[in-house]
N, C-alpha and C. Protein backbone atom coordinates (compact mmCIF):
# COMPACT_ATOMS: atom_id res chain seq x y z
N UNK A 1 85.48 114.78 63.90
CA UNK A 1 85.53 115.07 64.43
C UNK A 1 85.60 114.01 65.99
N UNK A 2 86.37 114.59 66.33
CA UNK A 2 87.28 113.82 67.71
C UNK A 2 85.93 113.69 68.91
N UNK A 3 85.18 112.64 69.00
CA UNK A 3 83.95 112.92 69.72
C UNK A 3 84.51 112.74 71.55
N UNK A 4 83.97 114.40 71.87
CA UNK A 4 84.12 115.19 73.05
C UNK A 4 82.59 116.03 73.51
N UNK A 5 83.04 116.55 74.59
CA UNK A 5 81.83 117.01 74.91
C UNK A 5 82.23 118.75 74.89
N UNK A 6 81.18 119.05 74.45
CA UNK A 6 82.43 121.28 74.43
C UNK A 6 81.18 121.66 75.39
N UNK A 7 82.11 122.35 76.36
CA UNK A 7 81.93 122.59 77.61
C UNK A 7 81.70 124.12 77.41
N UNK A 8 81.06 124.95 78.07
CA UNK A 8 80.59 126.48 77.58
C UNK A 8 82.22 127.17 78.65
N UNK A 9 83.38 126.64 78.74
CA UNK A 9 84.57 126.50 79.44
C UNK A 9 85.41 126.98 77.11
N UNK A 10 84.65 125.50 76.45
CA UNK A 10 85.57 125.89 75.61
C UNK A 10 85.13 126.43 73.83
N UNK A 11 83.74 127.39 75.09
CA UNK A 11 83.09 128.44 73.73
C UNK A 11 83.65 129.54 74.47
N UNK A 12 83.91 130.29 75.67
CA UNK A 12 84.36 131.26 76.06
C UNK A 12 85.65 131.82 75.32
N UNK A 13 86.24 130.43 75.43
CA UNK A 13 87.88 130.63 75.09
C UNK A 13 88.15 131.05 73.43
N UNK A 14 87.11 129.78 73.11
CA UNK A 14 86.98 130.80 71.13
C UNK A 14 86.58 131.28 70.85
N UNK A 15 85.88 131.65 71.18
CA UNK A 15 85.78 133.03 71.31
C UNK A 15 86.91 134.31 71.68
N UNK A 16 86.92 134.25 72.55
CA UNK A 16 88.21 135.30 72.80
C UNK A 16 89.08 135.45 71.88
N UNK A 17 89.76 133.82 71.10
CA UNK A 17 90.66 133.66 70.38
C UNK A 17 90.22 134.56 68.62
N UNK A 18 89.02 134.78 68.58
CA UNK A 18 88.56 134.71 67.46
C UNK A 18 88.12 135.82 67.41
N UNK A 19 88.39 136.65 68.15
CA UNK A 19 87.48 138.28 68.90
C UNK A 19 86.34 138.28 68.50
N UNK A 20 85.76 137.03 68.63
CA UNK A 20 84.09 137.10 68.23
C UNK A 20 83.07 137.36 69.08
N UNK A 21 81.80 138.10 69.12
CA UNK A 21 81.14 138.73 69.29
C UNK A 21 79.72 137.39 70.11
N UNK A 22 79.08 137.57 71.04
CA UNK A 22 77.58 136.29 71.05
C UNK A 22 77.07 136.57 70.47
N UNK A 23 76.61 137.68 69.48
CA UNK A 23 76.26 137.81 68.15
C UNK A 23 76.60 137.36 66.48
N UNK A 24 77.91 137.53 67.04
CA UNK A 24 78.72 137.27 65.49
C UNK A 24 78.59 134.92 65.82
N UNK A 25 78.84 134.30 66.77
CA UNK A 25 79.23 133.26 67.05
C UNK A 25 77.59 132.92 66.51
N UNK A 26 76.24 133.33 67.03
CA UNK A 26 75.08 133.12 66.96
C UNK A 26 74.69 132.98 65.36
N UNK A 27 75.86 133.64 64.90
CA UNK A 27 75.24 133.84 63.53
C UNK A 27 76.01 132.91 62.96
N UNK A 28 77.58 132.89 62.60
CA UNK A 28 77.82 131.57 62.62
C UNK A 28 77.55 130.30 62.45
N UNK A 29 76.29 130.25 63.98
CA UNK A 29 76.83 128.59 64.41
C UNK A 29 75.04 128.85 63.40
N UNK A 30 74.17 129.89 63.61
CA UNK A 30 72.71 129.18 63.31
C UNK A 30 71.86 129.53 64.26
N UNK A 31 72.32 129.54 65.49
CA UNK A 31 70.87 130.25 67.06
C UNK A 31 70.93 131.43 66.97
N UNK A 32 70.53 131.11 67.83
CA UNK A 32 70.50 132.73 68.49
C UNK A 32 70.75 133.11 69.16
N UNK A 33 71.37 134.92 69.11
CA UNK A 33 71.83 134.74 71.06
C UNK A 33 72.11 134.71 72.14
N UNK A 34 70.06 134.96 72.11
CA UNK A 34 69.92 133.91 73.52
C UNK A 34 70.77 133.02 73.53
N UNK A 35 70.21 132.45 72.76
CA UNK A 35 71.09 130.62 73.36
C UNK A 35 72.56 130.90 73.51
N UNK A 36 73.49 131.53 73.00
CA UNK A 36 75.05 131.18 73.12
C UNK A 36 74.91 131.92 74.75
N UNK A 37 74.49 133.12 74.38
CA UNK A 37 73.95 134.11 75.81
C UNK A 37 73.71 133.19 77.27
N UNK A 38 73.22 132.30 76.87
CA UNK A 38 71.99 131.78 78.33
C UNK A 38 72.78 130.65 79.13
N UNK A 39 73.40 129.85 77.61
CA UNK A 39 74.54 128.70 77.74
C UNK A 39 76.20 129.33 78.58
N UNK A 40 76.30 130.64 78.00
CA UNK A 40 77.73 131.04 78.40
C UNK A 40 77.44 131.75 80.25
N UNK A 41 76.54 132.02 80.29
CA UNK A 41 76.09 132.87 81.36
C UNK A 41 75.48 131.03 82.53
N UNK A 42 75.55 130.29 81.78
CA UNK A 42 75.04 128.75 82.52
C UNK A 42 73.86 128.92 83.03
N UNK A 43 72.41 129.95 82.39
CA UNK A 43 71.51 130.13 82.82
C UNK A 43 70.59 128.15 81.59
N UNK A 44 71.49 128.07 80.95
CA UNK A 44 70.97 127.20 80.30
C UNK A 44 71.22 125.66 79.43
N UNK A 45 71.18 124.67 79.27
CA UNK A 45 72.08 124.11 79.39
C UNK A 45 71.79 123.05 77.11
N UNK A 46 72.78 123.92 76.32
CA UNK A 46 71.89 124.30 75.37
C UNK A 46 72.07 122.44 74.20
N UNK A 47 70.85 121.79 73.64
CA UNK A 47 71.01 121.11 72.82
C UNK A 47 71.85 119.99 72.61
N UNK A 48 72.20 119.38 72.44
CA UNK A 48 73.21 118.45 71.37
C UNK A 48 73.65 119.45 69.94
N UNK A 49 72.39 118.92 69.27
CA UNK A 49 72.04 119.80 67.66
C UNK A 49 72.80 121.41 68.32
N UNK A 50 72.53 121.66 68.89
CA UNK A 50 73.51 123.11 68.94
C UNK A 50 74.67 123.10 69.62
N UNK A 51 75.27 122.72 70.31
CA UNK A 51 76.29 122.00 70.48
C UNK A 51 77.23 122.00 68.94
N UNK A 52 77.05 120.71 68.42
CA UNK A 52 77.87 120.77 67.15
C UNK A 52 77.42 122.00 66.07
N UNK A 53 76.64 122.48 66.25
CA UNK A 53 76.61 124.01 65.74
C UNK A 53 77.19 124.77 65.82
N UNK A 54 77.72 125.13 67.03
CA UNK A 54 78.29 126.64 67.83
C UNK A 54 79.80 125.13 67.07
N UNK A 55 80.13 124.37 67.49
CA UNK A 55 81.70 123.49 67.68
C UNK A 55 82.11 123.64 65.80
N UNK A 56 80.79 123.45 65.03
CA UNK A 56 80.93 123.22 63.35
C UNK A 56 81.60 124.47 63.52
N UNK A 57 80.87 126.09 63.71
CA UNK A 57 81.44 127.11 62.85
C UNK A 57 82.31 128.21 63.44
N UNK A 58 83.29 127.15 64.83
CA UNK A 58 84.26 127.02 64.96
C UNK A 58 85.82 126.78 64.92
N UNK A 59 85.64 125.30 64.28
CA UNK A 59 86.17 124.45 63.66
C UNK A 59 86.24 125.48 62.56
N UNK A 60 85.12 125.46 61.81
CA UNK A 60 85.33 126.21 60.44
C UNK A 60 86.55 127.63 60.21
N UNK A 61 86.72 128.17 61.08
CA UNK A 61 87.41 129.44 61.52
C UNK A 61 88.84 128.90 62.09
N UNK A 62 89.20 128.06 62.14
CA UNK A 62 89.84 127.33 62.61
C UNK A 62 90.08 127.51 64.06
N UNK A 63 89.55 126.29 64.31
CA UNK A 63 89.56 126.07 65.77
C UNK A 63 89.61 124.47 66.26
N UNK A 64 90.61 124.61 67.26
CA UNK A 64 90.86 123.24 67.37
C UNK A 64 90.51 122.50 68.88
N UNK A 65 89.66 122.04 69.59
CA UNK A 65 89.20 121.10 70.78
C UNK A 65 90.03 120.38 71.79
N UNK A 66 90.55 120.58 72.21
CA UNK A 66 91.12 119.33 73.60
C UNK A 66 89.95 119.47 74.42
N UNK A 67 89.89 117.81 75.36
CA UNK A 67 89.26 117.44 76.49
C UNK A 67 89.96 117.22 77.13
N UNK A 68 89.06 117.32 78.31
CA UNK A 68 90.09 115.49 79.18
C UNK A 68 89.40 117.22 80.58
N UNK A 69 89.97 117.26 81.83
CA UNK A 69 89.88 118.10 83.37
C UNK A 69 89.87 119.33 82.92
N UNK A 70 91.64 119.50 81.58
CA UNK A 70 91.57 121.07 81.35
C UNK A 70 91.47 121.07 80.17
N UNK A 71 89.70 121.62 79.77
CA UNK A 71 89.69 122.03 78.36
C UNK A 71 90.61 122.42 78.12
N UNK A 72 90.96 122.56 75.97
CA UNK A 72 91.33 123.56 75.44
C UNK A 72 91.24 123.82 74.44
N UNK A 73 91.67 124.71 73.87
CA UNK A 73 91.56 125.60 72.46
C UNK A 73 92.47 126.20 72.36
N UNK A 74 92.57 125.95 70.98
CA UNK A 74 94.02 126.28 70.34
C UNK A 74 93.31 127.05 68.58
N UNK A 75 94.13 128.13 68.05
CA UNK A 75 93.99 128.26 66.71
C UNK A 75 94.69 128.42 65.37
N UNK A 76 94.07 127.48 64.60
CA UNK A 76 95.16 127.86 63.67
C UNK A 76 94.76 129.09 62.66
N UNK A 77 95.50 129.75 62.75
CA UNK A 77 95.41 130.43 61.77
C UNK A 77 94.73 130.32 59.81
N UNK A 78 96.11 129.45 59.47
CA UNK A 78 96.37 129.36 58.42
C UNK A 78 94.22 129.12 58.40
N UNK A 79 94.23 128.24 58.45
CA UNK A 79 92.86 127.94 58.09
C UNK A 79 91.82 128.98 58.55
N UNK A 80 92.23 129.69 58.54
CA UNK A 80 91.11 131.04 59.49
C UNK A 80 90.63 131.65 58.05
N UNK A 81 89.71 132.26 57.94
CA UNK A 81 88.99 132.67 56.51
C UNK A 81 89.22 134.31 57.19
N UNK A 82 89.65 135.10 55.83
CA UNK A 82 89.93 136.18 55.67
C UNK A 82 88.95 137.01 56.43
């Protein structure tokens, strides 16, 4: 994995591309739904471990992230599980 900061913008965009609910992301990442909700609503900042778990869940579903001043998210459908 390339080293970069997973942002709330990345999370929101990736979830939208995959049409995942916050609950589905939480389940796939092994975190609580409140963790995702509070992060997306910028009420808390997640731990590095949580960020890693969320990123891994997205990448396993075919999401590729880019970073910089304009965070980017792409979905590669051939990697997406059925």
